[in-house]
Amino acid sequence: MSSRPGYGTGPSRTALAVGLGILLGLGGVGLAINFSARDPAPPPPTCLGSDSGVADRSAPHGAFVLDPPNGPHNAYYSDVQSYLLRNPAVCGADYWVAWSSVTNGTAGHLTYNFSAVDAHAASWIAAGKEVNLVFQIFSGPSDYVPGSLLSEIPTVQCGNSAVTPVEWNGTFETAYRGFIATAVHHFETEPGFGYLRFDLGVPGELAPVSDIDAPGCQSELASDGFSLASWANYLDGMLSFEHSLDPTIQLLVPISPVFPGEGDNISATVSKLAASDGIGLGTEGLRMNESAAADPDGVGCREDVWCQQFSMYQGEVPLQVQTTAASSPNGSGPVGSLPSLLTVGLTVHAQIFELYLDDWLTAFDPNYPPYAEYHVQYAAALNSLASVVGTY
């Protein structure tokens, strides 16, 4: 990946200072690094530009609102405008974009229109924030894939999964590469966009289909030519293609095992290739049972996969985390409370935090029901996070 405009280099901040500041801040007392009266406190890092407090200081960083409402017809839209749009702890927004929502035409001649995406991003960019995009093809209904293409390629459905395209099919790969190239070339020329992430498997994972452990699923996949080797070749080819575009905008890829609970090496293979190509790594499943805070090397992390890769490639490419779902302010499972999750993320060197709207509203919106009971600790946690990964 070529240099990202707006980001530079700067002096490094010690890990001890960062850890101390966030841990004390999460206790509700704010950033608590002590400086002598003779030494003025350094200025806080900014969302745009270099940040010496993160591992890859020249790459995107910050805390972002995940899929905020995009118009007055959506709940809490006005609250976002009032309490988040110009909030200094908020670096910007991340939007989910279904492939089919920006695509028209026939399978052999797909065309793309990103005007709706540009419109959704406009208010954030006008406010000086950064917008990032997550392009989806495997989430929810099968109509996330353009219908004209879906009718031309084999599909698979396992258990409760959606009807899913056979991604390693040549027709699918050609069409998807065309879409990726178009999206990259469009948004890398648009000011205000920070990074792009394209689904390569089911959302946030590297599996070819959700519910892959359903009875008969592996046999059905095998009948369509699936094997770990063929899947690795598909992922390798897609990442190599992304790199060949020589993007000037940061690209990311999620990492996970293909088969939950099994120690296949797909995550290690993908991480190595992505990092060598300058593509950032992410996890979309941060939740309370992650023990990374107690073990920065990753032993004990869920499925013992992504934390190890984060530890290996921190500083080489930007690392991104997203919670499995909105957090539970009372600390209950499966996600847990946000302050402890932010601690985990920083401990494993994450510098991009995609956080659900509910968590931001709990911290900053007095109209949101959980605000009264939990806003003090949530606001303190997010403000302390911003003191490390960037403020605006």
Protein backbone atom coordinates (compact mmCIF):
# COMPACT_ATOMS: atom_id res chain seq x y z
CA MET A 1 0.00 0.00 0.00
CA SER A 2 1.28 3.47 -0.86
CA SER A 3 1.66 6.18 1.77
CA ARG A 4 -1.59 7.35 3.20
CA PRO A 5 -1.95 11.16 2.90
CA GLY A 6 -2.45 12.89 6.24
CA TYR A 7 -0.49 10.41 8.31
CA GLY A 8 3.15 10.81 9.30
CA THR A 9 5.66 9.71 11.86
CA GLY A 10 6.55 10.95 15.30
CA PRO A 11 8.34 10.00 18.50
CA SER A 12 7.16 6.80 20.17
CA ARG A 13 5.32 6.82 23.45
CA THR A 14 6.23 4.13 25.96
CA ALA A 15 3.88 1.21 26.37
CA LEU A 16 3.93 1.73 30.13
CA ALA A 17 2.59 5.25 29.85
CA VAL A 18 -0.15 4.19 27.48
CA GLY A 19 -1.16 1.24 29.64
CA LEU A 20 -1.15 3.29 32.83
CA GLY A 21 -3.18 6.07 31.27
CA ILE A 22 -5.89 3.80 29.90
CA LEU A 23 -6.17 1.60 32.95
CA LEU A 24 -6.53 4.53 35.31
CA GLY A 25 -8.81 6.27 32.84
CA LEU A 26 -11.08 3.27 32.69
CA GLY A 27 -11.46 3.55 36.43
CA GLY A 28 -13.28 6.81 35.80
CA VAL A 29 -10.60 9.35 36.67
CA GLY A 30 -9.38 10.22 33.15
CA LEU A 31 -5.88 10.05 31.76
CA ALA A 32 -3.60 9.89 34.74
CA ILE A 33 -0.03 10.05 33.46
CA ASN A 34 1.83 12.43 35.77
CA PHE A 35 4.19 15.02 34.39
CA SER A 36 6.38 17.30 36.49
CA ALA A 37 5.55 20.99 36.67
CA ARG A 38 8.62 21.69 34.53
CA ASP A 39 7.46 19.42 31.69
CA PRO A 40 4.27 20.49 29.90
CA ALA A 41 1.92 17.66 29.02
CA PRO A 42 2.24 16.60 25.38
CA PRO A 43 -0.71 17.55 23.16
CA PRO A 44 -3.32 14.82 22.73
CA PRO A 45 -3.10 12.75 19.55
CA THR A 46 -5.45 13.69 16.76
CA CYS A 47 -7.66 11.36 14.75
CA LEU A 48 -6.12 12.54 11.49
CA GLY A 49 -2.35 12.51 11.28
CA SER A 50 0.41 10.76 13.15
CA ASP A 51 -0.18 9.31 16.61
CA SER A 52 2.90 8.20 18.52
CA GLY A 53 0.74 6.32 21.02
CA VAL A 54 -0.32 3.59 18.58
CA ALA A 55 1.72 0.75 17.13
CA ASP A 56 1.47 1.75 13.46
CA ARG A 57 1.56 5.50 13.84
CA SER A 58 1.38 6.26 10.10
CA ALA A 59 -1.88 4.31 9.58
CA PRO A 60 -5.53 5.12 10.40
CA HIS A 61 -6.43 5.08 14.08
CA GLY A 62 -9.24 6.11 16.37
CA ALA A 63 -12.63 5.10 17.77
CA PHE A 64 -15.54 5.05 15.33
CA VAL A 65 -19.34 4.81 15.50
CA LEU A 66 -20.41 1.59 13.83
CA ASP A 67 -23.22 2.02 11.29
CA PRO A 68 -24.82 5.21 12.64
CA PRO A 69 -28.33 6.18 11.47
CA ASN A 70 -28.14 7.84 8.07
CA GLY A 71 -31.26 10.02 8.04
CA PRO A 72 -34.02 11.62 10.13
CA HIS A 73 -36.26 8.60 9.53
CA ASN A 74 -33.91 6.48 11.67
CA ALA A 75 -34.07 6.32 15.47
CA TYR A 76 -31.54 8.48 17.32
CA TYR A 77 -30.44 10.30 14.18
CA SER A 78 -30.89 13.72 15.80
CA ASP A 79 -29.13 12.49 18.95
CA VAL A 80 -26.11 11.48 16.87
CA GLN A 81 -26.05 14.95 15.32
CA SER A 82 -26.23 16.57 18.77
CA TYR A 83 -23.97 14.36 20.87
CA LEU A 84 -21.60 12.44 18.58
CA LEU A 85 -21.00 14.25 15.30
CA ARG A 86 -18.71 16.84 16.90
CA ASN A 87 -17.71 14.85 19.98
CA PRO A 88 -13.89 14.95 20.27
CA ALA A 89 -13.76 11.27 21.34
CA VAL A 90 -15.39 10.24 18.07
CA CYS A 91 -13.01 10.02 15.12
CA GLY A 92 -15.77 9.24 12.66
CA ALA A 93 -18.11 6.53 11.43
CA ASP A 94 -18.02 3.09 9.87
CA TYR A 95 -20.77 2.11 7.43
CA TRP A 96 -21.75 -1.38 6.35
CA VAL A 97 -22.40 -1.43 2.60
CA ALA A 98 -24.07 -4.40 0.91
CA TRP A 99 -22.53 -5.20 -2.46
CA SER A 100 -25.97 -5.39 -4.08
CA SER A 101 -26.96 -1.94 -2.76
CA VAL A 102 -24.40 -0.19 -5.01
CA THR A 103 -24.60 -2.53 -8.02
CA ASN A 104 -26.75 -2.68 -11.14
CA GLY A 105 -26.60 -4.45 -14.49
CA THR A 106 -26.27 -8.02 -15.61
CA ALA A 107 -23.81 -10.65 -14.39
CA GLY A 108 -21.57 -10.02 -17.38
CA HIS A 109 -21.75 -6.23 -17.11
CA LEU A 110 -22.15 -5.00 -13.53
CA THR A 111 -22.15 -1.26 -12.94
CA TYR A 112 -21.71 0.63 -9.68
CA ASN A 113 -23.19 3.74 -8.10
CA PHE A 114 -21.73 4.98 -4.82
CA SER A 115 -23.77 8.19 -4.57
CA ALA A 116 -25.82 6.96 -1.60
CA VAL A 117 -22.66 6.01 0.30
CA ASP A 118 -21.14 9.41 -0.43
CA ALA A 119 -24.32 11.08 0.82
CA HIS A 120 -24.32 9.14 4.09
CA ALA A 121 -20.69 10.05 4.69
CA ALA A 122 -21.08 13.74 3.83
CA SER A 123 -22.11 15.11 7.24
CA TRP A 124 -19.28 13.29 9.01
CA ILE A 125 -16.68 14.45 6.53
CA ALA A 126 -18.03 18.01 6.67
CA ALA A 127 -17.56 17.89 10.44
CA GLY A 128 -13.90 17.00 9.93
CA LYS A 129 -14.34 13.32 10.78
CA GLU A 130 -13.21 10.21 8.90
CA VAL A 131 -15.51 7.62 7.34
CA ASN A 132 -14.62 3.96 6.78
CA LEU A 133 -16.52 1.37 4.77
CA VAL A 134 -17.14 -2.35 5.28
CA PHE A 135 -18.41 -3.99 2.09
CA GLN A 136 -20.58 -7.01 2.77
CA ILE A 137 -21.47 -9.95 0.59
CA PHE A 138 -22.20 -12.69 3.10
CA SER A 139 -24.16 -11.06 5.91
CA GLY A 140 -27.85 -11.71 6.41
CA PRO A 141 -29.94 -12.30 3.31
CA SER A 142 -28.54 -13.77 0.14
CA ASP A 143 -29.56 -10.60 -1.73
CA TYR A 144 -26.37 -8.97 -0.42
CA VAL A 145 -24.90 -10.49 -3.60
CA PRO A 146 -26.22 -8.90 -6.83
CA GLY A 147 -29.13 -11.06 -7.95
CA SER A 148 -28.04 -11.24 -11.56
CA LEU A 149 -24.71 -12.68 -10.45
CA LEU A 150 -26.17 -15.05 -7.87
CA SER A 151 -28.27 -16.69 -10.58
CA GLU A 152 -25.11 -17.45 -12.60
CA ILE A 153 -23.01 -19.20 -9.96
CA PRO A 154 -23.35 -22.25 -7.69
CA THR A 155 -24.50 -21.62 -4.13
CA VAL A 156 -24.38 -23.47 -0.83
CA GLN A 157 -26.57 -23.36 2.27
CA CYS A 158 -25.67 -25.03 5.55
CA GLY A 159 -28.02 -25.31 8.51
CA ASN A 160 -29.24 -21.81 9.34
CA SER A 161 -26.90 -20.01 6.97
CA ALA A 162 -28.05 -17.78 4.15
CA VAL A 163 -27.79 -18.96 0.57
CA THR A 164 -24.12 -18.27 -0.06
CA PRO A 165 -22.17 -18.11 -3.33
CA VAL A 166 -19.36 -20.55 -3.96
CA GLU A 167 -16.69 -17.89 -3.62
CA TRP A 168 -13.92 -19.88 -5.32
CA ASN A 169 -16.00 -20.11 -8.49
CA GLY A 170 -14.28 -18.29 -11.37
CA THR A 171 -17.33 -16.22 -12.36
CA PHE A 172 -17.76 -15.01 -8.80
CA GLU A 173 -14.07 -14.15 -8.37
CA THR A 174 -13.97 -12.16 -11.60
CA ALA A 175 -17.06 -10.16 -10.69
CA TYR A 176 -15.95 -9.52 -7.12
CA ARG A 177 -12.49 -8.40 -8.17
CA GLY A 178 -14.09 -5.95 -10.56
CA PHE A 179 -16.18 -4.54 -7.73
CA ILE A 180 -13.22 -4.28 -5.34
CA ALA A 181 -11.15 -2.46 -7.95
CA THR A 182 -13.96 -0.01 -8.69
CA ALA A 183 -14.61 0.71 -5.01
CA VAL A 184 -10.94 1.19 -4.18
CA HIS A 185 -10.34 3.55 -7.08
CA HIS A 186 -13.46 5.55 -6.23
CA PHE A 187 -12.91 6.04 -2.51
CA GLU A 188 -9.15 6.51 -2.58
CA THR A 189 -9.78 9.69 -4.56
CA GLU A 190 -12.53 10.95 -2.24
CA PRO A 191 -11.35 13.08 0.72
CA GLY A 192 -12.43 11.98 4.17
CA PHE A 193 -12.34 8.18 3.77
CA GLY A 194 -9.87 6.30 5.98
CA TYR A 195 -9.99 2.55 5.22
CA LEU A 196 -11.98 -0.11 3.38
CA ARG A 197 -12.69 -3.71 4.37
CA PHE A 198 -14.10 -6.28 1.95
CA ASP A 199 -15.78 -9.51 3.02
CA LEU A 200 -13.76 -12.50 1.89
CA GLY A 201 -15.79 -14.98 3.93
CA VAL A 202 -18.81 -14.75 6.19
CA PRO A 203 -18.75 -11.34 7.94
CA GLY A 204 -15.84 -10.91 10.28
CA GLU A 205 -14.65 -14.44 9.60
CA LEU A 206 -12.64 -16.39 7.06
CA ALA A 207 -15.11 -19.26 6.70
CA PRO A 208 -16.85 -19.91 3.36
CA VAL A 209 -20.29 -20.13 4.97
CA SER A 210 -21.85 -19.52 8.35
CA ASP A 211 -23.03 -22.52 10.40
CA ILE A 212 -20.21 -24.51 8.84
CA ASP A 213 -20.49 -27.12 11.59
CA ALA A 214 -24.08 -27.97 10.61
CA PRO A 215 -24.61 -31.68 9.77
CA GLY A 216 -23.61 -32.44 6.21
CA CYS A 217 -22.15 -29.00 5.56
CA GLN A 218 -18.57 -30.10 4.99
CA SER A 219 -19.71 -32.81 2.59
CA GLU A 220 -21.79 -30.27 0.66
CA LEU A 221 -18.84 -27.89 0.48
CA ALA A 222 -16.56 -30.69 -0.70
CA SER A 223 -18.99 -31.52 -3.50
CA ASP A 224 -18.47 -27.96 -4.75
CA GLY A 225 -14.70 -28.34 -4.69
CA PHE A 226 -13.99 -26.93 -1.25
CA SER A 227 -10.89 -27.92 0.69
CA LEU A 228 -8.63 -25.97 3.01
CA ALA A 229 -6.11 -25.82 0.18
CA SER A 230 -8.62 -24.44 -2.35
CA TRP A 231 -9.92 -21.96 0.21
CA ALA A 232 -6.41 -20.78 1.03
CA ASN A 233 -5.76 -20.31 -2.70
CA TYR A 234 -8.92 -18.21 -3.01
CA LEU A 235 -7.97 -15.99 -0.06
CA ASP A 236 -4.38 -15.71 -1.29
CA GLY A 237 -5.58 -14.69 -4.73
CA MET A 238 -8.01 -12.07 -3.42
CA LEU A 239 -5.46 -10.46 -1.10
CA SER A 240 -2.83 -10.47 -3.82
CA PHE A 241 -5.33 -8.80 -6.13
CA GLU A 242 -6.09 -6.11 -3.54
CA HIS A 243 -2.37 -5.46 -3.20
CA SER A 244 -1.93 -5.29 -6.98
CA LEU A 245 -4.26 -2.28 -7.06
CA ASP A 246 -1.55 -0.28 -5.28
CA PRO A 247 -4.18 1.50 -3.18
CA THR A 248 -3.51 4.82 -1.53
CA ILE A 249 -6.29 4.10 0.97
CA GLN A 250 -5.77 1.59 3.80
CA LEU A 251 -7.30 -1.86 3.30
CA LEU A 252 -8.17 -4.29 6.12
CA VAL A 253 -9.03 -7.99 6.36
CA PRO A 254 -10.60 -9.89 9.29
CA ILE A 255 -8.89 -13.00 10.63
CA SER A 256 -10.42 -16.14 12.14
CA PRO A 257 -10.25 -19.92 11.79
CA VAL A 258 -12.31 -21.65 9.12
CA PHE A 259 -13.68 -24.25 11.52
CA PRO A 260 -14.49 -22.87 15.00
CA GLY A 261 -12.44 -24.50 17.71
CA GLU A 262 -10.03 -26.15 15.29
CA GLY A 263 -6.43 -25.09 14.87
CA ASP A 264 -6.26 -24.72 11.10
CA ASN A 265 -3.65 -22.30 9.83
CA ILE A 266 -5.79 -20.07 7.60
CA SER A 267 -5.52 -17.12 9.99
CA ALA A 268 -1.74 -17.41 10.15
CA THR A 269 -1.50 -17.75 6.37
CA VAL A 270 -3.81 -14.79 5.69
CA SER A 271 -2.16 -12.61 8.34
CA LYS A 272 1.32 -13.20 6.94
CA LEU A 273 0.25 -12.41 3.39
CA ALA A 274 -1.85 -9.40 4.38
CA ALA A 275 0.87 -7.89 6.54
CA SER A 276 3.45 -8.31 3.79
CA ASP A 277 1.08 -6.43 1.47
CA GLY A 278 0.37 -3.63 3.96
CA ILE A 279 -3.20 -4.78 4.58
CA GLY A 280 -4.35 -4.30 8.17
CA LEU A 281 -5.73 -7.10 10.37
CA GLY A 282 -8.95 -7.12 12.36
CA THR A 283 -11.29 -9.11 14.55
CA GLU A 284 -15.04 -8.59 14.61
CA GLY A 285 -15.64 -10.77 17.67
CA LEU A 286 -14.25 -8.99 20.73
CA ARG A 287 -16.15 -10.13 23.83
CA MET A 288 -15.79 -10.63 27.54
CA ASN A 289 -14.12 -14.05 27.60
CA GLU A 290 -11.04 -12.76 25.81
CA SER A 291 -8.16 -13.03 28.26
CA ALA A 292 -5.71 -11.02 26.20
CA ALA A 293 -5.49 -8.29 28.85
CA ALA A 294 -3.82 -10.78 31.16
CA ASP A 295 -1.79 -12.37 28.39
CA PRO A 296 -0.58 -10.00 25.67
CA ASP A 297 0.90 -12.88 23.67
CA GLY A 298 -2.55 -14.27 23.05
CA VAL A 299 -2.57 -17.54 24.99
CA GLY A 300 -6.13 -18.09 26.13
CA CYS A 301 -7.78 -15.84 23.54
CA ARG A 302 -10.95 -17.16 21.98
CA GLU A 303 -9.95 -19.98 19.67
CA ASP A 304 -6.34 -18.95 20.25
CA VAL A 305 -6.09 -17.26 16.86
CA TRP A 306 -6.42 -13.53 16.32
CA CYS A 307 -4.54 -12.36 19.43
CA GLN A 308 -1.49 -14.30 18.39
CA GLN A 309 -1.55 -12.67 14.97
CA PHE A 310 -2.02 -9.24 16.54
CA SER A 311 1.03 -9.80 18.72
CA MET A 312 3.08 -10.92 15.73
CA TYR A 313 2.22 -8.03 13.39
CA GLN A 314 1.67 -5.08 15.73
CA GLY A 315 3.53 -2.09 14.39
CA GLU A 316 3.71 -3.50 10.85
CA VAL A 317 0.07 -2.88 9.90
CA PRO A 318 -2.88 -1.29 11.73
CA LEU A 319 -4.89 -3.62 13.98
CA GLN A 320 -8.66 -3.25 14.32
CA VAL A 321 -11.23 -4.59 16.78
CA GLN A 322 -15.02 -4.65 16.79
CA THR A 323 -17.14 -6.04 19.60
CA THR A 324 -19.35 -9.01 18.77
CA ALA A 325 -22.40 -6.87 19.51
CA ALA A 326 -23.26 -3.85 21.62
CA SER A 327 -21.77 -4.23 25.07
CA SER A 328 -23.66 -4.91 28.30
CA PRO A 329 -23.13 -2.03 30.74
CA ASN A 330 -23.93 -4.31 33.69
CA GLY A 331 -21.08 -6.63 32.65
CA SER A 332 -23.24 -9.59 31.64
CA GLY A 333 -22.41 -11.93 28.80
CA PRO A 334 -21.75 -12.72 26.14
CA VAL A 335 -20.16 -9.38 25.26
CA GLY A 336 -19.51 -7.84 28.68
CA SER A 337 -18.94 -4.23 29.66
CA LEU A 338 -17.26 -1.80 27.30
CA PRO A 339 -14.51 -0.45 29.63
CA SER A 340 -12.94 -3.89 30.09
CA LEU A 341 -13.17 -4.60 26.35
CA LEU A 342 -11.33 -1.40 25.52
CA THR A 343 -8.58 -2.45 27.92
CA VAL A 344 -8.25 -5.75 26.05
CA GLY A 345 -8.10 -3.99 22.70
CA LEU A 346 -5.34 -1.64 23.76
CA THR A 347 -3.37 -4.42 25.39
CA VAL A 348 -3.21 -6.30 22.08
CA HIS A 349 -2.12 -3.11 20.26
CA ALA A 350 -5.37 -2.38 18.44
CA GLN A 351 -5.56 1.18 17.16
CA ILE A 352 -8.90 1.10 15.33
CA PHE A 353 -12.01 0.55 17.47
CA GLU A 354 -15.38 0.00 15.76
CA LEU A 355 -17.99 0.45 18.47
CA TYR A 356 -21.75 0.00 18.29
CA LEU A 357 -24.02 3.03 18.44
CA ASP A 358 -25.58 1.84 21.71
CA ASP A 359 -22.26 2.16 23.50
CA TRP A 360 -21.68 5.71 22.28
CA LEU A 361 -25.21 6.73 23.25
CA THR A 362 -24.82 5.17 26.70
CA ALA A 363 -21.78 7.38 27.23
CA PHE A 364 -22.95 10.68 25.76
CA ASP A 365 -26.70 10.85 25.04
CA PRO A 366 -28.91 11.86 28.00
CA ASN A 367 -31.97 10.71 26.02
CA TYR A 368 -30.70 7.14 25.85
CA PRO A 369 -32.16 4.95 28.66
CA PRO A 370 -28.89 3.41 30.02
CA TYR A 371 -27.23 6.85 30.15
CA ALA A 372 -28.42 7.76 33.63
CA GLU A 373 -26.85 4.74 35.29
CA TYR A 374 -23.79 4.09 33.18
CA HIS A 375 -22.67 7.25 31.37
CA VAL A 376 -19.98 8.18 33.89
CA GLN A 377 -17.93 5.00 33.44
CA TYR A 378 -18.66 4.73 29.70
CA ALA A 379 -17.71 8.34 28.97
CA ALA A 380 -14.54 7.99 31.05
CA ALA A 381 -13.58 4.82 29.18
CA LEU A 382 -14.15 6.35 25.74
CA ASN A 383 -12.39 9.60 26.60
CA SER A 384 -9.40 7.66 27.91
CA LEU A 385 -9.36 5.52 24.77
CA ALA A 386 -9.38 8.70 22.69
CA SER A 387 -6.37 10.02 24.61
CA VAL A 388 -4.41 7.11 23.12
CA VAL A 389 -5.91 6.48 19.66
CA GLY A 390 -6.90 10.05 18.80
CA THR A 391 -9.32 12.91 19.39
CA TYR A 392 -10.85 15.48 17.12
